[in-house]
């Protein structure tokens, strides 16, 4: 265990950051899951607003460093492609 005051503080901060990041990742997974089910269920009216909120959440997480910016771009791209495929074939 750390014994210096600065190391103890860094440990406390890492615990807080880990919990915050865990909550962000959980929010992201839930948002992605809900928007995928909405797209697959052809609920296109609800998808538009949900997509905007999800993309905003993804961008926020990337800017805070919770996820990598390439991962954020990949999530957004796949959601947009899935939505475009559904609207084309609907």
N, C-alpha and C. Protein backbone atom coordinates (compact mmCIF):
# COMPACT_ATOMS: atom_id res chain seq x y z
N UNK A 1 0.84 -1.18 0.00
CA UNK A 1 0.00 0.00 0.00
C UNK A 1 0.88 1.24 0.00
N UNK A 2 0.39 2.29 -0.61
CA UNK A 2 1.13 3.53 -0.69
C UNK A 2 1.25 4.18 0.69
N UNK A 3 2.36 4.85 0.93
CA UNK A 3 2.54 5.48 2.24
C UNK A 3 2.71 7.00 2.15
N UNK A 4 3.12 7.52 1.00
CA UNK A 4 3.26 8.96 0.86
C UNK A 4 1.89 9.59 0.67
N UNK A 5 1.76 10.81 1.12
CA UNK A 5 0.48 11.51 1.03
C UNK A 5 0.04 11.66 -0.43
N UNK A 6 0.98 11.97 -1.31
CA UNK A 6 0.62 12.15 -2.72
C UNK A 6 0.19 10.82 -3.35
N UNK A 7 0.82 9.73 -2.94
CA UNK A 7 0.45 8.41 -3.47
C UNK A 7 -0.93 8.00 -2.95
N UNK A 8 -1.21 8.33 -1.70
CA UNK A 8 -2.53 8.02 -1.15
C UNK A 8 -3.62 8.81 -1.87
N UNK A 9 -3.33 10.07 -2.14
CA UNK A 9 -4.30 10.89 -2.87
C UNK A 9 -4.50 10.36 -4.28
N UNK A 10 -3.43 9.99 -4.94
CA UNK A 10 -3.54 9.45 -6.30
C UNK A 10 -4.36 8.16 -6.31
N UNK A 11 -4.20 7.36 -5.27
CA UNK A 11 -4.98 6.12 -5.17
C UNK A 11 -6.46 6.43 -4.99
N UNK A 12 -6.78 7.41 -4.12
CA UNK A 12 -8.18 7.81 -3.93
C UNK A 12 -8.77 8.31 -5.24
N UNK A 13 -7.99 9.11 -5.97
CA UNK A 13 -8.48 9.65 -7.24
C UNK A 13 -8.71 8.54 -8.25
N UNK A 14 -7.81 7.55 -8.27
CA UNK A 14 -7.97 6.46 -9.23
C UNK A 14 -9.23 5.66 -8.94
N UNK A 15 -9.56 5.49 -7.66
CA UNK A 15 -10.78 4.76 -7.31
C UNK A 15 -12.02 5.53 -7.78
N UNK A 16 -12.02 6.84 -7.58
CA UNK A 16 -13.15 7.67 -8.02
C UNK A 16 -13.28 7.63 -9.54
N UNK A 17 -12.13 7.78 -10.22
CA UNK A 17 -12.15 7.77 -11.68
C UNK A 17 -12.60 6.43 -12.23
N UNK A 18 -12.16 5.35 -11.59
CA UNK A 18 -12.57 4.02 -12.06
C UNK A 18 -14.07 3.84 -11.94
N UNK A 19 -14.64 4.28 -10.82
CA UNK A 19 -16.09 4.17 -10.64
C UNK A 19 -16.84 5.03 -11.64
N UNK A 20 -16.35 6.25 -11.87
CA UNK A 20 -17.00 7.14 -12.83
C UNK A 20 -16.94 6.56 -14.23
N UNK A 21 -15.77 6.04 -14.62
CA UNK A 21 -15.62 5.44 -15.94
C UNK A 21 -16.50 4.21 -16.09
N UNK A 22 -16.64 3.44 -15.02
CA UNK A 22 -17.48 2.25 -15.07
C UNK A 22 -18.94 2.63 -15.30
N UNK A 23 -19.38 3.71 -14.66
CA UNK A 23 -20.75 4.18 -14.86
C UNK A 23 -20.96 4.70 -16.28
N UNK A 24 -19.96 5.42 -16.81
CA UNK A 24 -20.06 5.91 -18.19
C UNK A 24 -20.15 4.75 -19.17
N UNK A 25 -19.31 3.73 -18.99
CA UNK A 25 -19.33 2.59 -19.90
C UNK A 25 -20.65 1.85 -19.83
N UNK A 26 -21.20 1.76 -18.63
CA UNK A 26 -22.50 1.11 -18.46
C UNK A 26 -23.59 1.90 -19.18
N UNK A 27 -23.55 3.23 -19.03
CA UNK A 27 -24.52 4.08 -19.75
C UNK A 27 -24.40 3.90 -21.25
N UNK A 28 -23.16 3.81 -21.74
CA UNK A 28 -22.94 3.64 -23.17
C UNK A 28 -23.50 2.31 -23.65
N UNK A 29 -23.20 1.24 -22.93
CA UNK A 29 -23.69 -0.08 -23.34
C UNK A 29 -25.21 -0.12 -23.35
N UNK A 30 -25.85 0.47 -22.34
CA UNK A 30 -27.31 0.50 -22.29
C UNK A 30 -27.88 1.33 -23.44
N UNK A 31 -27.26 2.46 -23.74
CA UNK A 31 -27.74 3.31 -24.84
C UNK A 31 -27.60 2.59 -26.17
N UNK A 32 -26.46 1.93 -26.38
CA UNK A 32 -26.25 1.21 -27.64
C UNK A 32 -27.24 0.07 -27.77
N UNK A 33 -27.47 -0.64 -26.68
CA UNK A 33 -28.41 -1.77 -26.71
C UNK A 33 -29.81 -1.28 -27.04
N UNK A 34 -30.24 -0.19 -26.42
CA UNK A 34 -31.61 0.30 -26.64
C UNK A 34 -31.79 0.84 -28.06
N UNK A 35 -30.77 1.53 -28.58
CA UNK A 35 -30.93 2.07 -29.93
C UNK A 35 -30.89 0.96 -30.98
N UNK A 36 -30.10 -0.09 -30.73
CA UNK A 36 -30.08 -1.22 -31.67
C UNK A 36 -31.43 -1.92 -31.70
N UNK A 37 -32.03 -2.11 -30.54
CA UNK A 37 -33.34 -2.76 -30.52
C UNK A 37 -34.39 -1.87 -31.17
N UNK A 38 -34.28 -0.55 -31.01
CA UNK A 38 -35.22 0.37 -31.65
C UNK A 38 -35.06 0.33 -33.17
N UNK A 39 -33.83 0.27 -33.64
CA UNK A 39 -33.59 0.19 -35.09
C UNK A 39 -34.12 -1.12 -35.64
N UNK A 40 -33.83 -2.22 -34.93
CA UNK A 40 -34.28 -3.53 -35.40
C UNK A 40 -35.79 -3.66 -35.32
N UNK A 41 -36.41 -2.94 -34.40
CA UNK A 41 -37.86 -2.98 -34.26
C UNK A 41 -38.58 -2.01 -35.18
N UNK A 42 -37.85 -1.33 -36.06
CA UNK A 42 -38.40 -0.37 -37.02
C UNK A 42 -39.16 0.77 -36.34
N UNK A 43 -38.70 1.18 -35.17
CA UNK A 43 -39.26 2.32 -34.46
C UNK A 43 -38.47 3.56 -34.87
N UNK A 44 -38.60 3.95 -36.14
CA UNK A 44 -37.74 4.97 -36.70
C UNK A 44 -38.00 6.37 -36.13
N UNK A 45 -39.20 6.60 -35.61
CA UNK A 45 -39.48 7.91 -35.02
C UNK A 45 -38.68 8.10 -33.74
N UNK A 46 -38.61 7.07 -32.93
CA UNK A 46 -37.87 7.16 -31.68
C UNK A 46 -36.37 7.07 -31.88
N UNK A 47 -35.98 6.50 -33.00
CA UNK A 47 -34.55 6.29 -33.26
C UNK A 47 -33.83 7.60 -33.50
N UNK A 48 -34.47 8.55 -34.15
CA UNK A 48 -33.81 9.80 -34.50
C UNK A 48 -33.32 10.55 -33.26
N UNK A 49 -34.19 10.70 -32.27
CA UNK A 49 -33.77 11.41 -31.07
C UNK A 49 -32.80 10.57 -30.25
N UNK A 50 -33.04 9.26 -30.21
CA UNK A 50 -32.14 8.38 -29.46
C UNK A 50 -30.75 8.37 -30.08
N UNK A 51 -30.69 8.43 -31.40
CA UNK A 51 -29.39 8.45 -32.08
C UNK A 51 -28.63 9.72 -31.72
N UNK A 52 -29.31 10.84 -31.70
CA UNK A 52 -28.66 12.10 -31.36
C UNK A 52 -28.12 12.07 -29.93
N UNK A 53 -28.90 11.54 -29.00
CA UNK A 53 -28.45 11.46 -27.61
C UNK A 53 -27.29 10.49 -27.46
N UNK A 54 -27.35 9.36 -28.18
CA UNK A 54 -26.29 8.36 -28.08
C UNK A 54 -25.00 8.89 -28.66
N UNK A 55 -25.07 9.56 -29.80
CA UNK A 55 -23.87 10.13 -30.41
C UNK A 55 -23.27 11.18 -29.49
N UNK A 56 -24.11 11.97 -28.85
CA UNK A 56 -23.61 12.97 -27.90
C UNK A 56 -22.91 12.30 -26.73
N UNK A 57 -23.48 11.21 -26.23
CA UNK A 57 -22.85 10.46 -25.13
C UNK A 57 -21.51 9.88 -25.57
N UNK A 58 -21.46 9.34 -26.77
CA UNK A 58 -20.22 8.76 -27.29
C UNK A 58 -19.14 9.84 -27.41
N UNK A 59 -19.52 11.00 -27.94
CA UNK A 59 -18.56 12.09 -28.08
C UNK A 59 -18.05 12.58 -26.73
N UNK A 60 -18.96 12.65 -25.77
CA UNK A 60 -18.56 13.07 -24.42
C UNK A 60 -17.56 12.10 -23.83
N UNK A 61 -17.82 10.82 -23.98
CA UNK A 61 -16.93 9.81 -23.43
C UNK A 61 -15.57 9.84 -24.11
N UNK A 62 -15.55 10.09 -25.40
CA UNK A 62 -14.28 10.16 -26.11
C UNK A 62 -13.49 11.39 -25.67
N UNK A 63 -14.17 12.51 -25.47
CA UNK A 63 -13.47 13.73 -25.06
C UNK A 63 -12.92 13.60 -23.64
N UNK A 64 -13.59 12.83 -22.78
CA UNK A 64 -13.12 12.64 -21.41
C UNK A 64 -12.08 11.54 -21.30
N UNK A 65 -11.87 10.81 -22.38
CA UNK A 65 -10.86 9.76 -22.38
C UNK A 65 -11.34 8.43 -21.84
N UNK A 66 -12.65 8.28 -21.68
CA UNK A 66 -13.18 7.01 -21.20
C UNK A 66 -13.03 5.94 -22.27
N UNK A 67 -13.33 6.33 -23.51
CA UNK A 67 -13.08 5.44 -24.64
C UNK A 67 -12.19 6.17 -25.63
N UNK A 68 -11.53 5.42 -26.49
CA UNK A 68 -10.64 6.01 -27.48
C UNK A 68 -11.47 6.68 -28.57
N UNK A 69 -10.90 7.71 -29.19
CA UNK A 69 -11.66 8.43 -30.21
C UNK A 69 -11.94 7.57 -31.43
N UNK A 70 -11.06 6.63 -31.74
CA UNK A 70 -11.34 5.71 -32.85
C UNK A 70 -12.49 4.77 -32.50
N UNK A 71 -12.57 4.35 -31.26
CA UNK A 71 -13.68 3.50 -30.83
C UNK A 71 -14.99 4.30 -30.91
N UNK A 72 -14.93 5.57 -30.55
CA UNK A 72 -16.12 6.41 -30.64
C UNK A 72 -16.58 6.54 -32.08
N UNK A 73 -15.64 6.77 -32.98
CA UNK A 73 -15.98 6.87 -34.40
C UNK A 73 -16.55 5.57 -34.93
N UNK A 74 -16.00 4.46 -34.47
CA UNK A 74 -16.48 3.14 -34.91
C UNK A 74 -17.93 2.92 -34.45
N UNK A 75 -18.23 3.27 -33.20
CA UNK A 75 -19.59 3.11 -32.70
C UNK A 75 -20.57 3.96 -33.51
N UNK A 76 -20.21 5.22 -33.74
CA UNK A 76 -21.10 6.13 -34.46
C UNK A 76 -21.30 5.66 -35.90
N UNK A 77 -20.23 5.21 -36.53
CA UNK A 77 -20.32 4.76 -37.91
C UNK A 77 -21.21 3.53 -38.04
N UNK A 78 -21.05 2.60 -37.13
CA UNK A 78 -21.84 1.37 -37.20
C UNK A 78 -23.32 1.64 -36.93
N UNK A 79 -23.60 2.56 -36.01
CA UNK A 79 -25.00 2.92 -35.75
C UNK A 79 -25.62 3.59 -36.98
N UNK A 80 -24.88 4.51 -37.59
CA UNK A 80 -25.39 5.20 -38.77
C UNK A 80 -25.60 4.23 -39.93
N UNK A 81 -24.67 3.30 -40.11
CA UNK A 81 -24.80 2.32 -41.18
C UNK A 81 -25.99 1.40 -40.94
N UNK A 82 -26.19 1.02 -39.69
CA UNK A 82 -27.32 0.14 -39.35
C UNK A 82 -28.63 0.85 -39.60
N UNK A 83 -28.70 2.13 -39.23
CA UNK A 83 -29.91 2.91 -39.45
C UNK A 83 -30.17 3.11 -40.93
N UNK A 84 -29.12 3.40 -41.69
CA UNK A 84 -29.27 3.60 -43.14
C UNK A 84 -29.74 2.32 -43.81
N UNK A 85 -29.22 1.19 -43.37
CA UNK A 85 -29.61 -0.10 -43.95
C UNK A 85 -31.09 -0.38 -43.66
N UNK A 86 -31.53 -0.07 -42.43
CA UNK A 86 -32.93 -0.30 -42.06
C UNK A 86 -33.87 0.61 -42.83
N UNK A 87 -33.50 1.87 -42.98
CA UNK A 87 -34.40 2.81 -43.66
C UNK A 87 -34.45 2.52 -45.15
N UNK A 88 -33.35 2.01 -45.70
CA UNK A 88 -33.31 1.66 -47.12
C UNK A 88 -34.21 0.45 -47.40
N UNK A 89 -34.21 -0.51 -46.49
CA UNK A 89 -34.96 -1.75 -46.71
C UNK A 89 -36.34 -1.73 -46.07
N UNK A 90 -36.72 -0.64 -45.43
CA UNK A 90 -38.02 -0.61 -44.76
C UNK A 90 -39.13 -0.29 -45.72
